[in-house]
N, C-alpha and C. Protein backbone atom coordinates (compact mmCIF):
# COMPACT_ATOMS: atom_id res chain seq x y z
N UNK A 1 0.22 -1.37 -0.28
CA UNK A 1 -0.08 0.26 -0.53
C UNK A 1 1.18 1.50 0.47
N UNK A 2 1.99 1.27 0.57
CA UNK A 2 2.97 2.29 0.47
C UNK A 2 3.89 2.16 0.66
N UNK A 3 5.02 3.17 0.91
CA UNK A 3 6.28 2.65 0.33
C UNK A 3 7.68 4.38 0.46
N UNK A 4 8.15 4.52 1.44
CA UNK A 4 9.14 5.91 1.42
C UNK A 4 10.55 5.26 0.98
N UNK A 5 10.38 6.37 0.80
CA UNK A 5 12.05 6.90 -0.22
C UNK A 5 13.08 5.81 1.09
N UNK A 6 13.55 6.70 2.52
CA UNK A 6 14.59 5.61 2.75
C UNK A 6 14.48 4.44 2.59
N UNK A 7 12.97 3.64 3.04
CA UNK A 7 12.99 2.40 2.73
C UNK A 7 13.61 1.68 1.53
N UNK A 8 14.14 2.41 0.67
CA UNK A 8 14.64 2.25 -0.63
C UNK A 8 16.31 2.44 -0.39
N UNK A 9 16.50 2.67 0.17
CA UNK A 9 18.32 2.93 0.54
C UNK A 9 18.21 5.30 -0.14
N UNK A 10 17.46 5.41 -0.48
CA UNK A 10 17.22 7.25 -0.68
C UNK A 10 16.67 7.33 0.05
N UNK A 11 17.57 8.95 0.96
CA UNK A 11 17.49 10.00 1.76
C UNK A 11 16.50 11.23 1.38
N UNK A 12 15.76 10.60 1.31
CA UNK A 12 14.67 12.00 0.64
C UNK A 12 13.52 11.21 1.03
N UNK A 13 12.83 12.15 1.82
CA UNK A 13 11.45 12.55 2.38
C UNK A 13 10.15 12.62 1.39
N UNK A 14 10.04 11.79 0.91
CA UNK A 14 9.66 10.69 -0.39
C UNK A 14 8.31 10.24 0.36
N UNK A 15 7.15 10.13 0.32
CA UNK A 15 6.42 8.39 0.66
C UNK A 15 5.04 8.80 -0.76
N UNK A 16 5.04 7.11 -1.16
CA UNK A 16 4.83 6.54 -2.30
C UNK A 16 3.30 5.61 -1.59
N UNK A 17 1.91 6.18 -2.32
CA UNK A 17 0.49 5.65 -1.21
C UNK A 17 -0.27 5.25 -2.37
N UNK A 18 -0.08 3.22 -2.63
CA UNK A 18 -1.99 3.41 -3.47
C UNK A 18 -2.71 3.15 -2.70
N UNK A 19 -4.16 3.07 -2.56
CA UNK A 19 -5.02 2.85 -2.32
C UNK A 19 -6.34 2.89 -3.26
N UNK A 20 -7.26 1.11 -2.15
CA UNK A 20 -7.63 0.63 -2.57
C UNK A 20 -9.30 1.70 -2.26
N UNK A 21 -9.94 2.46 -3.85
CA UNK A 21 -11.07 3.06 -3.32
C UNK A 21 -11.77 1.83 -3.80
N UNK A 22 -11.84 1.19 -4.13
CA UNK A 22 -13.50 0.57 -4.84
C UNK A 22 -12.58 -0.81 -5.34
N UNK A 23 -12.20 -1.78 -5.32
CA UNK A 23 -12.16 -2.95 -6.53
C UNK A 23 -11.65 -2.75 -7.63
N UNK A 24 -10.93 -2.67 -7.84
CA UNK A 24 -9.96 -2.35 -9.04
C UNK A 24 -9.83 -1.02 -8.88
N UNK A 25 -9.93 0.48 -7.70
CA UNK A 25 -10.11 1.35 -7.93
C UNK A 25 -9.14 2.01 -7.57
N UNK A 26 -7.86 2.63 -7.39
CA UNK A 26 -7.44 3.44 -6.98
C UNK A 26 -6.51 4.23 -7.15
N UNK A 27 -6.24 5.47 -6.19
CA UNK A 27 -5.96 6.24 -6.43
C UNK A 27 -4.09 6.67 -4.91
N UNK A 28 -3.67 6.79 -6.26
CA UNK A 28 -2.70 7.10 -6.34
C UNK A 28 -2.08 8.96 -5.65
N UNK A 29 -1.20 8.40 -4.58
CA UNK A 29 -0.30 9.72 -3.99
C UNK A 29 1.05 9.28 -3.57
N UNK A 30 1.69 10.55 -4.50
CA UNK A 30 3.45 10.93 -3.72
C UNK A 30 3.29 11.82 -3.08
N UNK A 31 3.58 11.88 -2.28
CA UNK A 31 4.10 13.13 -1.21
C UNK A 31 5.82 13.23 -1.87
N UNK A 32 5.74 14.98 -0.87
CA UNK A 32 7.23 15.82 -0.63
C UNK A 32 7.42 16.16 0.46
N UNK A 33 7.55 15.60 1.34
CA UNK A 33 7.75 16.31 2.43
C UNK A 33 6.83 16.39 3.02
N UNK A 34 6.09 15.51 3.36
CA UNK A 34 4.87 15.14 3.61
C UNK A 34 5.06 15.83 5.20
N UNK A 35 3.40 16.36 5.91
CA UNK A 35 3.60 16.30 7.46
C UNK A 35 1.60 16.84 7.69
N UNK A 36 1.94 16.41 9.10
CA UNK A 36 0.35 16.11 9.69
C UNK A 36 0.41 17.06 10.06
N UNK A 37 -0.66 18.57 9.41
CA UNK A 37 -0.77 19.37 9.76
C UNK A 37 -1.77 19.37 10.19
N UNK A 38 -3.68 18.67 10.75
CA UNK A 38 -4.31 18.00 11.44
C UNK A 38 -4.63 17.07 11.96
N UNK A 39 -5.53 16.86 12.88
CA UNK A 39 -5.58 15.71 13.67
C UNK A 39 -7.12 14.94 14.11
N UNK A 40 -7.82 13.48 14.03
CA UNK A 40 -8.51 14.40 15.00
C UNK A 40 -7.77 12.81 16.38
N UNK A 41 -9.27 13.18 17.15
CA UNK A 41 -8.77 12.76 18.67
C UNK A 41 -8.65 11.65 19.24
N UNK A 42 -9.95 10.83 18.17
CA UNK A 42 -10.08 9.71 17.57
C UNK A 42 -9.19 8.42 17.58
N UNK A 43 -8.98 7.87 17.63
CA UNK A 43 -7.25 7.08 18.12
C UNK A 43 -8.58 5.20 17.00
N UNK A 44 -7.77 5.02 15.98
CA UNK A 44 -8.04 3.40 16.37
C UNK A 44 -7.12 2.56 15.52
N UNK A 45 -6.69 1.24 15.70
CA UNK A 45 -6.21 0.33 14.78
C UNK A 45 -6.10 -0.33 13.85
N UNK A 46 -5.43 -0.76 12.69
CA UNK A 46 -5.52 -1.54 11.78
C UNK A 46 -6.37 -3.48 12.62
N UNK A 47 -7.56 -3.17 12.21
CA UNK A 47 -7.74 -4.71 13.27
C UNK A 47 -6.55 -5.82 12.27
N UNK A 48 -5.99 -6.28 11.72
CA UNK A 48 -5.10 -7.66 11.11
C UNK A 48 -3.60 -7.02 11.95
N UNK A 49 -3.59 -5.41 12.35
CA UNK A 49 -2.70 -5.25 12.90
C UNK A 49 -1.14 -4.43 11.66
N UNK A 50 -0.31 -4.14 11.83
CA UNK A 50 0.60 -3.14 10.51
C UNK A 50 1.45 -4.00 9.99
N UNK A 51 0.99 -4.11 8.65
CA UNK A 51 3.43 -5.24 8.45
C UNK A 51 3.81 -3.79 7.69
N UNK A 52 4.89 -4.51 6.73
CA UNK A 52 6.15 -3.35 6.34
C UNK A 52 7.31 -4.04 5.77
N UNK A 53 7.52 -3.92 4.55
CA UNK A 53 8.13 -4.48 3.41
C UNK A 53 9.68 -4.50 4.19
N UNK A 54 9.06 -3.44 5.29
CA UNK A 54 11.55 -3.47 6.03
C UNK A 54 10.82 -4.55 7.12
N UNK A 55 10.25 -5.45 8.02
CA UNK A 55 10.44 -5.85 8.16
C UNK A 55 9.62 -7.23 8.29
N UNK A 56 10.90 -8.23 8.24
CA UNK A 56 11.06 -9.51 7.20
C UNK A 56 9.90 -10.33 7.78
N UNK A 57 9.74 -10.15 8.98
CA UNK A 57 8.52 -11.69 10.10
C UNK A 57 7.13 -10.17 11.05
N UNK A 58 5.52 -11.75 11.09
CA UNK A 58 5.29 -10.96 11.58
C UNK A 58 5.34 -10.87 13.23
N UNK A 59 4.88 -9.23 13.52
CA UNK A 59 5.04 -8.98 14.97
C UNK A 59 3.88 -8.88 15.42
N UNK A 60 3.31 -9.21 16.43
CA UNK A 60 1.47 -9.32 16.75
C UNK A 60 1.92 -8.07 18.12
N UNK A 61 0.05 -7.47 17.59
CA UNK A 61 0.25 -6.25 18.32
C UNK A 61 0.08 -4.81 17.62
N UNK A 62 -0.87 -4.10 17.84
CA UNK A 62 -1.99 -2.75 17.52
C UNK A 62 -1.22 -1.63 17.01
N UNK A 63 -1.34 -0.95 16.42
CA UNK A 63 -0.73 0.74 16.69
C UNK A 63 -1.84 1.25 16.65
N UNK A 64 -2.27 2.68 17.90
CA UNK A 64 -3.07 3.08 17.70
C UNK A 64 -2.42 4.18 16.91
N UNK A 65 -4.06 4.23 15.65
CA UNK A 65 -2.96 6.11 15.34
C UNK A 65 -4.36 6.49 14.83
N UNK A 66 -3.89 7.99 14.42
CA UNK A 66 -4.96 8.88 14.57
C UNK A 66 -6.29 8.20 13.53
N UNK A 67 -7.58 8.15 13.48
CA UNK A 67 -8.35 8.12 12.81
C UNK A 67 -8.62 8.34 11.16
N UNK A 68 -8.18 9.83 10.96
CA UNK A 68 -8.14 11.12 10.05
C UNK A 68 -6.93 11.87 10.35
N UNK A 69 -6.98 12.47 9.10
CA UNK A 69 -5.64 13.23 9.83
C UNK A 69 -4.89 14.14 8.07
N UNK A 70 -4.95 15.39 8.55
CA UNK A 70 -4.79 15.78 7.00
C UNK A 70 -3.01 15.91 7.04
N UNK A 71 -2.86 16.11 5.76
CA UNK A 71 -1.09 15.85 5.13
C UNK A 71 -1.05 17.14 4.02
N UNK A 72 -0.12 17.97 4.36
CA UNK A 72 0.26 19.27 3.66
C UNK A 72 1.53 18.09 3.42
N UNK A 73 1.87 18.76 1.29
CA UNK A 73 3.41 17.91 0.88
C UNK A 73 2.81 19.20 -0.52
N UNK A 74 3.79 18.26 -0.90
CA UNK A 74 4.00 19.09 -2.14
C UNK A 74 4.09 17.39 -3.25
N UNK A 75 3.58 18.14 -4.58
CA UNK A 75 3.57 17.39 -5.45
C UNK A 75 5.07 17.22 -5.85
N UNK A 76 5.12 15.91 -7.25
CA UNK A 76 6.28 15.64 -8.42
C UNK A 76 6.95 17.28 -8.53
N UNK A 77 5.14 17.77 -9.18
CA UNK A 77 5.60 18.74 -10.01
C UNK A 77 5.81 20.05 -9.08
N UNK A 78 5.64 20.02 -7.64
CA UNK A 78 6.69 20.93 -6.64
C UNK A 78 4.74 21.64 -6.36
N UNK A 79 3.71 21.38 -6.53
CA UNK A 79 3.11 21.92 -6.60
C UNK A 79 2.10 21.49 -5.12
N UNK A 80 2.29 22.40 -4.44
CA UNK A 80 2.11 22.06 -3.00
C UNK A 80 0.58 21.39 -2.93
N UNK A 81 0.08 20.39 -2.01
CA UNK A 81 -0.87 19.40 -1.91
C UNK A 81 -1.33 19.58 -1.06
N UNK A 82 -3.00 19.11 -0.12
CA UNK A 82 -3.16 18.33 1.35
C UNK A 82 -3.97 17.34 0.33
N UNK A 83 -4.20 16.37 1.87
CA UNK A 83 -4.45 15.08 1.43
C UNK A 83 -5.18 15.43 3.18
N UNK A 84 -6.61 14.65 3.00
CA UNK A 84 -7.27 14.49 4.16
C UNK A 84 -7.18 13.15 3.61
N UNK A 85 -7.04 11.89 4.83
CA UNK A 85 -7.44 10.76 5.42
C UNK A 85 -7.97 10.61 6.00
N UNK A 86 -8.94 9.73 6.39
CA UNK A 86 -10.09 8.79 7.22
C UNK A 86 -9.73 7.34 7.77
N UNK A 87 -9.19 6.56 8.28
CA UNK A 87 -9.29 5.27 8.65
C UNK A 87 -8.04 5.11 7.37
N UNK A 88 -7.72 2.90 6.68
CA UNK A 88 -7.16 3.09 6.16
C UNK A 88 -5.65 3.97 5.57
N UNK A 89 -6.22 4.81 5.43
CA UNK A 89 -5.70 5.53 4.47
C UNK A 89 -5.05 6.55 5.79
N UNK A 90 -5.85 7.22 6.79
CA UNK A 90 -4.86 7.42 7.65
C UNK A 90 -3.84 6.64 7.84
N UNK A 91 -3.98 5.55 8.43
CA UNK A 91 -3.23 5.08 8.56
C UNK A 91 -1.44 4.45 7.92
N UNK A 92 -2.09 4.65 6.97
CA UNK A 92 -0.66 4.16 5.76
C UNK A 92 -0.17 5.03 5.53
N UNK A 93 -0.56 6.68 5.98
CA UNK A 93 0.39 7.60 5.46
C UNK A 93 0.81 8.36 6.58
N UNK A 94 0.50 8.01 8.03
CA UNK A 94 0.79 7.54 9.23
C UNK A 94 1.48 6.65 8.59
N UNK A 95 1.92 5.58 9.00
CA UNK A 95 3.24 4.95 8.52
C UNK A 95 4.37 5.36 8.01
N UNK A 96 3.58 5.54 6.60
CA UNK A 96 5.14 6.19 5.73
C UNK A 96 5.34 7.22 6.45
N UNK A 97 5.04 8.47 6.89
CA UNK A 97 5.58 9.88 7.33
C UNK A 97 6.28 8.54 8.17
N UNK A 98 6.60 7.78 9.46
CA UNK A 98 6.75 7.59 10.66
C UNK A 98 8.57 6.95 9.56
N UNK A 99 8.45 6.40 8.64
CA UNK A 99 9.86 5.53 7.98
C UNK A 99 10.77 6.49 6.93
N UNK A 100 10.38 8.01 7.25
CA UNK A 100 10.84 10.05 7.01
C UNK A 100 11.62 10.02 8.73
N UNK A 101 10.48 9.66 9.60
CA UNK A 101 11.37 10.55 11.00
C UNK A 101 11.82 8.68 11.36
N UNK A 102 12.60 7.62 10.65
CA UNK A 102 13.47 6.57 10.97
C UNK A 102 12.64 5.10 12.76
N UNK A 103 11.40 5.87 12.60
CA UNK A 103 10.17 4.67 13.07
C UNK A 103 9.79 4.03 11.90
N UNK A 104 9.81 2.14 12.90
CA UNK A 104 8.91 1.24 12.41
C UNK A 104 7.80 0.90 13.83
N UNK A 105 6.93 0.74 12.79
CA UNK A 105 5.08 0.70 13.12
C UNK A 105 5.79 -0.79 14.59
N UNK A 106 6.97 -0.83 14.05
CA UNK A 106 6.75 -2.25 16.58
C UNK A 106 6.94 -0.86 17.34
N UNK A 107 7.56 -0.48 16.83
CA UNK A 107 8.02 0.65 18.28
C UNK A 107 7.15 1.48 18.02
N UNK A 108 5.69 1.40 17.85
CA UNK A 108 5.00 1.92 18.08
C UNK A 108 3.39 1.21 18.63
N UNK A 109 3.64 0.24 18.82
CA UNK A 109 3.27 -1.04 19.60
C UNK A 109 2.65 -1.31 20.97
N UNK A 110 0.70 -0.59 20.98
CA UNK A 110 0.50 -0.40 22.65
C UNK A 110 0.31 -1.76 23.42
N UNK A 111 0.99 -1.94 23.67
CA UNK A 111 0.74 -4.02 24.59
C UNK A 111 -0.28 -3.83 25.60
N UNK A 112 -1.73 -2.97 24.79
CA UNK A 112 -2.00 -3.03 26.01
C UNK A 112 -3.38 -3.01 25.57
N UNK A 113 -3.80 -2.38 23.85
CA UNK A 113 -4.98 -2.06 23.17
C UNK A 113 -4.56 -3.44 22.76
C-alpha cells in the first residue's frame, strides 16, 4: 500500500501510497515533504495489525493511530497539496511518515490495546 524512499536507501522525504478505493480502482499519492497538519482525537488501529516491507517477520500487536489526518506536502511538480485521509488511508500516511522519521510500526505497538 505504501513505501517511503528511505526504505529504498534513498535519503529523501518522499512517500508513495496506492489506496484501493473500490475493487480495482486506485488513488495514487506521491507526497514530498509530507507533514501532518491536523488530526482527530479519535484513535483506531488496523484490525489485523500492521505489516511492513522493511520488517521480514510478523509482529503481533496493534498501533493506535489517528482516525483522520490532514497531510500537506508537495506533488512531483512542486505544487503544494493537501490530502485528507481517514481510516485505512490515514493509517497508511502515518505509517509512511514514520519511516521518514526513522520509526518502524513495531516501535509504536501498544501492549495493552
